[in-house]
Amino acid sequence: MNSIMERWIQTCRRELLDRTLIWNQHHLLHVLVEFETFYNEHRPHRALGQAAPLRPLPE
């Protein structure tokens, strides 16, 4: 489980935090919630055949 979280943290840092200027803790929490939604509902994953985790797998 540790390797899964390390991968998520790397992705979050690379795709979000390296490109965003965070103003305060409230802004950080808001941005992380939006990124989590994007990551789980819209972003394609190579291991799932380019499907998003919370969507059905392609035929």
PDB file of N, CA and C in Angstrom:
ATOM      1  N   MET A   1       0.820  -1.189   0.000  1.00  0.00           N
ATOM      2  CA  MET A   1       0.000   0.000   0.000  1.00  0.00           C
ATOM      3  C   MET A   1       0.870   1.262   0.000  1.00  0.00           C
ATOM      4  N   ASN A   2       2.027   1.195   0.594  1.00  0.00           N
ATOM      5  CA  ASN A   2       2.901   2.349   0.641  1.00  0.00           C
ATOM      6  C   ASN A   2       3.336   2.766  -0.759  1.00  0.00           C
ATOM      7  N   SER A   3       3.612   1.813  -1.619  1.00  0.00           N
ATOM      8  CA  SER A   3       4.039   2.157  -2.976  1.00  0.00           C
ATOM      9  C   SER A   3       2.917   2.829  -3.758  1.00  0.00           C
ATOM     10  N   ILE A   4       1.676   2.444  -3.510  1.00  0.00           N
ATOM     11  CA  ILE A   4       0.539   3.068  -4.188  1.00  0.00           C
ATOM     12  C   ILE A   4       0.419   4.535  -3.767  1.00  0.00           C
ATOM     13  N   MET A   5       0.547   4.790  -2.475  1.00  0.00           N
ATOM     14  CA  MET A   5       0.459   6.167  -1.990  1.00  0.00           C
ATOM     15  C   MET A   5       1.642   7.007  -2.475  1.00  0.00           C
ATOM     16  N   GLU A   6       2.820   6.412  -2.529  1.00  0.00           N
ATOM     17  CA  GLU A   6       3.976   7.144  -3.038  1.00  0.00           C
ATOM     18  C   GLU A   6       3.748   7.547  -4.490  1.00  0.00           C
ATOM     19  N   ARG A   7       3.170   6.664  -5.278  1.00  0.00           N
ATOM     20  CA  ARG A   7       2.888   6.962  -6.682  1.00  0.00           C
ATOM     21  C   ARG A   7       1.860   8.086  -6.787  1.00  0.00           C
ATOM     22  N   TRP A   8       0.821   8.055  -5.942  1.00  0.00           N
ATOM     23  CA  TRP A   8      -0.203   9.102  -5.984  1.00  0.00           C
ATOM     24  C   TRP A   8       0.404  10.450  -5.595  1.00  0.00           C
ATOM     25  N   ILE A   9       1.252  10.457  -4.592  1.00  0.00           N
ATOM     26  CA  ILE A   9       1.888  11.699  -4.149  1.00  0.00           C
ATOM     27  C   ILE A   9       2.787  12.254  -5.241  1.00  0.00           C
ATOM     28  N   GLN A  10       3.545  11.392  -5.913  1.00  0.00           N
ATOM     29  CA  GLN A  10       4.391  11.844  -7.025  1.00  0.00           C
ATOM     30  C   GLN A  10       3.548  12.454  -8.136  1.00  0.00           C
ATOM     31  N   THR A  11       2.442  11.799  -8.474  1.00  0.00           N
ATOM     32  CA  THR A  11       1.560  12.308  -9.517  1.00  0.00           C
ATOM     33  C   THR A  11       0.954  13.638  -9.108  1.00  0.00           C
ATOM     34  N   CYS A  12       0.511  13.733  -7.890  1.00  0.00           N
ATOM     35  CA  CYS A  12      -0.074  14.974  -7.379  1.00  0.00           C
ATOM     36  C   CYS A  12       0.949  16.109  -7.423  1.00  0.00           C
ATOM     37  N   ARG A  13       2.149  15.847  -7.000  1.00  0.00           N
ATOM     38  CA  ARG A  13       3.181  16.879  -7.018  1.00  0.00           C
ATOM     39  C   ARG A  13       3.519  17.296  -8.442  1.00  0.00           C
ATOM     40  N   ARG A  14       3.710  16.312  -9.334  1.00  0.00           N
ATOM     41  CA  ARG A  14       4.129  16.597 -10.696  1.00  0.00           C
ATOM     42  C   ARG A  14       3.027  17.298 -11.510  1.00  0.00           C
ATOM     43  N   GLU A  15       1.798  16.829 -11.405  1.00  0.00           N
ATOM     44  CA  GLU A  15       0.718  17.343 -12.242  1.00  0.00           C
ATOM     45  C   GLU A  15      -0.020  18.531 -11.634  1.00  0.00           C
ATOM     46  N   LEU A  16       0.092  18.724 -10.334  1.00  0.00           N
ATOM     47  CA  LEU A  16      -0.682  19.788  -9.692  1.00  0.00           C
ATOM     48  C   LEU A  16       0.192  20.811  -8.986  1.00  0.00           C
ATOM     49  N   LEU A  17       0.929  20.377  -7.998  1.00  0.00           N
ATOM     50  CA  LEU A  17       1.619  21.321  -7.126  1.00  0.00           C
ATOM     51  C   LEU A  17       2.798  22.015  -7.787  1.00  0.00           C
ATOM     52  N   ASP A  18       3.436  21.364  -8.764  1.00  0.00           N
ATOM     53  CA  ASP A  18       4.537  22.013  -9.472  1.00  0.00           C
ATOM     54  C   ASP A  18       4.038  23.084 -10.432  1.00  0.00           C
ATOM     55  N   ARG A  19       2.737  23.097 -10.722  1.00  0.00           N
ATOM     56  CA  ARG A  19       2.176  24.030 -11.700  1.00  0.00           C
ATOM     57  C   ARG A  19       1.217  25.043 -11.084  1.00  0.00           C
ATOM     58  N   THR A  20       1.016  24.979  -9.780  1.00  0.00           N
ATOM     59  CA  THR A  20       0.009  25.817  -9.135  1.00  0.00           C
ATOM     60  C   THR A  20       0.626  26.612  -7.990  1.00  0.00           C
ATOM     61  N   LEU A  21       0.267  27.863  -7.912  1.00  0.00           N
ATOM     62  CA  LEU A  21       0.692  28.696  -6.790  1.00  0.00           C
ATOM     63  C   LEU A  21      -0.373  28.593  -5.706  1.00  0.00           C
ATOM     64  N   ILE A  22      -0.012  28.043  -4.564  1.00  0.00           N
ATOM     65  CA  ILE A  22      -0.943  27.844  -3.455  1.00  0.00           C
ATOM     66  C   ILE A  22      -0.847  29.048  -2.520  1.00  0.00           C
ATOM     67  N   TRP A  23      -2.002  29.640  -2.213  1.00  0.00           N
ATOM     68  CA  TRP A  23      -2.020  30.847  -1.390  1.00  0.00           C
ATOM     69  C   TRP A  23      -2.082  30.556   0.099  1.00  0.00           C
ATOM     70  N   ASN A  24      -2.892  29.577   0.511  1.00  0.00           N
ATOM     71  CA  ASN A  24      -3.025  29.284   1.938  1.00  0.00           C
ATOM     72  C   ASN A  24      -3.560  27.855   2.095  1.00  0.00           C
ATOM     73  N   GLN A  25      -3.797  27.449   3.325  1.00  0.00           N
ATOM     74  CA  GLN A  25      -4.241  26.083   3.594  1.00  0.00           C
ATOM     75  C   GLN A  25      -5.623  25.816   2.996  1.00  0.00           C
ATOM     76  N   HIS A  26      -6.518  26.776   3.086  1.00  0.00           N
ATOM     77  CA  HIS A  26      -7.859  26.601   2.520  1.00  0.00           C
ATOM     78  C   HIS A  26      -7.771  26.373   0.999  1.00  0.00           C
ATOM     79  N   HIS A  27      -6.948  27.155   0.339  1.00  0.00           N
ATOM     80  CA  HIS A  27      -6.769  27.002  -1.109  1.00  0.00           C
ATOM     81  C   HIS A  27      -6.157  25.640  -1.425  1.00  0.00           C
ATOM     82  N   LEU A  28      -5.180  25.206  -0.655  1.00  0.00           N
ATOM     83  CA  LEU A  28      -4.554  23.902  -0.859  1.00  0.00           C
ATOM     84  C   LEU A  28      -5.575  22.781  -0.746  1.00  0.00           C
ATOM     85  N   LEU A  29      -6.401  22.804   0.283  1.00  0.00           N
ATOM     86  CA  LEU A  29      -7.405  21.760   0.464  1.00  0.00           C
ATOM     87  C   LEU A  29      -8.411  21.757  -0.674  1.00  0.00           C
ATOM     88  N   HIS A  30      -8.822  22.918  -1.124  1.00  0.00           N
ATOM     89  CA  HIS A  30      -9.763  23.020  -2.239  1.00  0.00           C
ATOM     90  C   HIS A  30      -9.154  22.438  -3.521  1.00  0.00           C
ATOM     91  N   VAL A  31      -7.919  22.783  -3.803  1.00  0.00           N
ATOM     92  CA  VAL A  31      -7.239  22.294  -5.003  1.00  0.00           C
ATOM     93  C   VAL A  31      -7.038  20.779  -4.926  1.00  0.00           C
ATOM     94  N   LEU A  32      -6.700  20.257  -3.764  1.00  0.00           N
ATOM     95  CA  LEU A  32      -6.513  18.810  -3.624  1.00  0.00           C
ATOM     96  C   LEU A  32      -7.811  18.039  -3.826  1.00  0.00           C
ATOM     97  N   VAL A  33      -8.925  18.573  -3.359  1.00  0.00           N
ATOM     98  CA  VAL A  33     -10.223  17.915  -3.570  1.00  0.00           C
ATOM     99  C   VAL A  33     -10.553  17.891  -5.060  1.00  0.00           C
ATOM    100  N   GLU A  34     -10.322  18.992  -5.759  1.00  0.00           N
ATOM    101  CA  GLU A  34     -10.570  19.025  -7.194  1.00  0.00           C
ATOM    102  C   GLU A  34      -9.663  18.055  -7.940  1.00  0.00           C
ATOM    103  N   PHE A  35      -8.389  17.972  -7.544  1.00  0.00           N
ATOM    104  CA  PHE A  35      -7.466  17.059  -8.207  1.00  0.00           C
ATOM    105  C   PHE A  35      -7.859  15.612  -7.949  1.00  0.00           C
ATOM    106  N   GLU A  36      -8.296  15.302  -6.746  1.00  0.00           N
ATOM    107  CA  GLU A  36      -8.726  13.940  -6.426  1.00  0.00           C
ATOM    108  C   GLU A  36      -9.919  13.538  -7.302  1.00  0.00           C
ATOM    109  N   THR A  37     -10.859  14.447  -7.487  1.00  0.00           N
ATOM    110  CA  THR A  37     -12.005  14.174  -8.352  1.00  0.00           C
ATOM    111  C   THR A  37     -11.539  13.948  -9.790  1.00  0.00           C
ATOM    112  N   PHE A  38     -10.664  14.805 -10.273  1.00  0.00           N
ATOM    113  CA  PHE A  38     -10.125  14.648 -11.629  1.00  0.00           C
ATOM    114  C   PHE A  38      -9.385  13.330 -11.772  1.00  0.00           C
ATOM    115  N   TYR A  39      -8.552  12.995 -10.786  1.00  0.00           N
ATOM    116  CA  TYR A  39      -7.734  11.788 -10.829  1.00  0.00           C
ATOM    117  C   TYR A  39      -8.598  10.529 -10.863  1.00  0.00           C
ATOM    118  N   ASN A  40      -9.682  10.507 -10.107  1.00  0.00           N
ATOM    119  CA  ASN A  40     -10.507   9.307 -10.000  1.00  0.00           C
ATOM    120  C   ASN A  40     -11.636   9.225 -11.022  1.00  0.00           C
ATOM    121  N   GLU A  41     -12.064  10.335 -11.585  1.00  0.00           N
ATOM    122  CA  GLU A  41     -13.230  10.303 -12.463  1.00  0.00           C
ATOM    123  C   GLU A  41     -12.935  10.631 -13.914  1.00  0.00           C
ATOM    124  N   HIS A  42     -11.860  11.350 -14.198  1.00  0.00           N
ATOM    125  CA  HIS A  42     -11.634  11.798 -15.569  1.00  0.00           C
ATOM    126  C   HIS A  42     -10.301  11.364 -16.159  1.00  0.00           C
ATOM    127  N   ARG A  43      -9.283  11.306 -15.352  1.00  0.00           N
ATOM    128  CA  ARG A  43      -7.934  11.036 -15.846  1.00  0.00           C
ATOM    129  C   ARG A  43      -7.801   9.581 -16.280  1.00  0.00           C
ATOM    130  N   PRO A  44      -7.337   9.320 -17.517  1.00  0.00           N
ATOM    131  CA  PRO A  44      -7.153   7.933 -17.952  1.00  0.00           C
ATOM    132  C   PRO A  44      -5.939   7.288 -17.279  1.00  0.00           C
ATOM    133  N   HIS A  45      -6.059   6.000 -16.984  1.00  0.00           N
ATOM    134  CA  HIS A  45      -4.973   5.251 -16.356  1.00  0.00           C
ATOM    135  C   HIS A  45      -4.510   4.155 -17.307  1.00  0.00           C
ATOM    136  N   ARG A  46      -3.216   4.075 -17.510  1.00  0.00           N
ATOM    137  CA  ARG A  46      -2.644   3.102 -18.430  1.00  0.00           C
ATOM    138  C   ARG A  46      -2.956   1.668 -18.010  1.00  0.00           C
ATOM    139  N   ALA A  47      -2.915   1.375 -16.715  1.00  0.00           N
ATOM    140  CA  ALA A  47      -3.152   0.012 -16.224  1.00  0.00           C
ATOM    141  C   ALA A  47      -4.600  -0.434 -16.423  1.00  0.00           C
ATOM    142  N   LEU A  48      -5.506   0.510 -16.626  1.00  0.00           N
ATOM    143  CA  LEU A  48      -6.920   0.177 -16.810  1.00  0.00           C
ATOM    144  C   LEU A  48      -7.343   0.289 -18.273  1.00  0.00           C
ATOM    145  N   GLY A  49      -6.400   0.239 -19.181  1.00  0.00           N
ATOM    146  CA  GLY A  49      -6.743   0.349 -20.594  1.00  0.00           C
ATOM    147  C   GLY A  49      -7.251   1.729 -20.951  1.00  0.00           C
ATOM    148  N   GLN A  50      -6.648   2.764 -20.396  1.00  0.00           N
ATOM    149  CA  GLN A  50      -6.998   4.171 -20.612  1.00  0.00           C
ATOM    150  C   GLN A  50      -8.394   4.523 -20.091  1.00  0.00           C
ATOM    151  N   ALA A  51      -8.911   3.754 -19.144  1.00  0.00           N
ATOM    152  CA  ALA A  51     -10.190   4.082 -18.516  1.00  0.00           C
ATOM    153  C   ALA A  51      -9.929   4.791 -17.190  1.00  0.00           C
ATOM    154  N   ALA A  52     -10.886   5.566 -16.746  1.00  0.00           N
ATOM    155  CA  ALA A  52     -10.795   6.201 -15.433  1.00  0.00           C
ATOM    156  C   ALA A  52     -11.198   5.179 -14.370  1.00  0.00           C
ATOM    157  N   PRO A  53     -10.643   5.267 -13.162  1.00  0.00           N
ATOM    158  CA  PRO A  53     -10.917   4.259 -12.128  1.00  0.00           C
ATOM    159  C   PRO A  53     -12.378   4.134 -11.736  1.00  0.00           C
ATOM    160  N   LEU A  54     -13.146   5.185 -11.715  1.00  0.00           N
ATOM    161  CA  LEU A  54     -14.521   5.106 -11.267  1.00  0.00           C
ATOM    162  C   LEU A  54     -15.519   4.974 -12.409  1.00  0.00           C
ATOM    163  N   ARG A  55     -15.038   4.647 -13.591  1.00  0.00           N
ATOM    164  CA  ARG A  55     -15.905   4.410 -14.744  1.00  0.00           C
ATOM    165  C   ARG A  55     -15.785   2.952 -15.161  1.00  0.00           C
ATOM    166  N   PRO A  56     -16.756   2.424 -15.889  1.00  0.00           N
ATOM    167  CA  PRO A  56     -16.642   1.046 -16.355  1.00  0.00           C
ATOM    168  C   PRO A  56     -15.510   0.880 -17.344  1.00  0.00           C
ATOM    169  N   LEU A  57     -14.901  -0.297 -17.358  1.00  0.00           N
ATOM    170  CA  LEU A  57     -13.817  -0.579 -18.298  1.00  0.00           C
ATOM    171  C   LEU A  57     -14.345  -0.616 -19.718  1.00  0.00           C
ATOM    172  N   PRO A  58     -13.522  -0.183 -20.693  1.00  0.00           N
ATOM    173  CA  PRO A  58     -13.958  -0.239 -22.096  1.00  0.00           C
ATOM    174  C   PRO A  58     -14.077  -1.692 -22.556  1.00  0.00           C
ATOM    175  N   GLU A  59     -14.912  -1.880 -23.542  1.00  0.00           N
ATOM    176  CA  GLU A  59     -15.137  -3.235 -24.087  1.00  0.00           C
ATOM    177  C   GLU A  59     -13.901  -3.752 -24.799  1.00  0.00           C
TER     178      GLU A  59
END
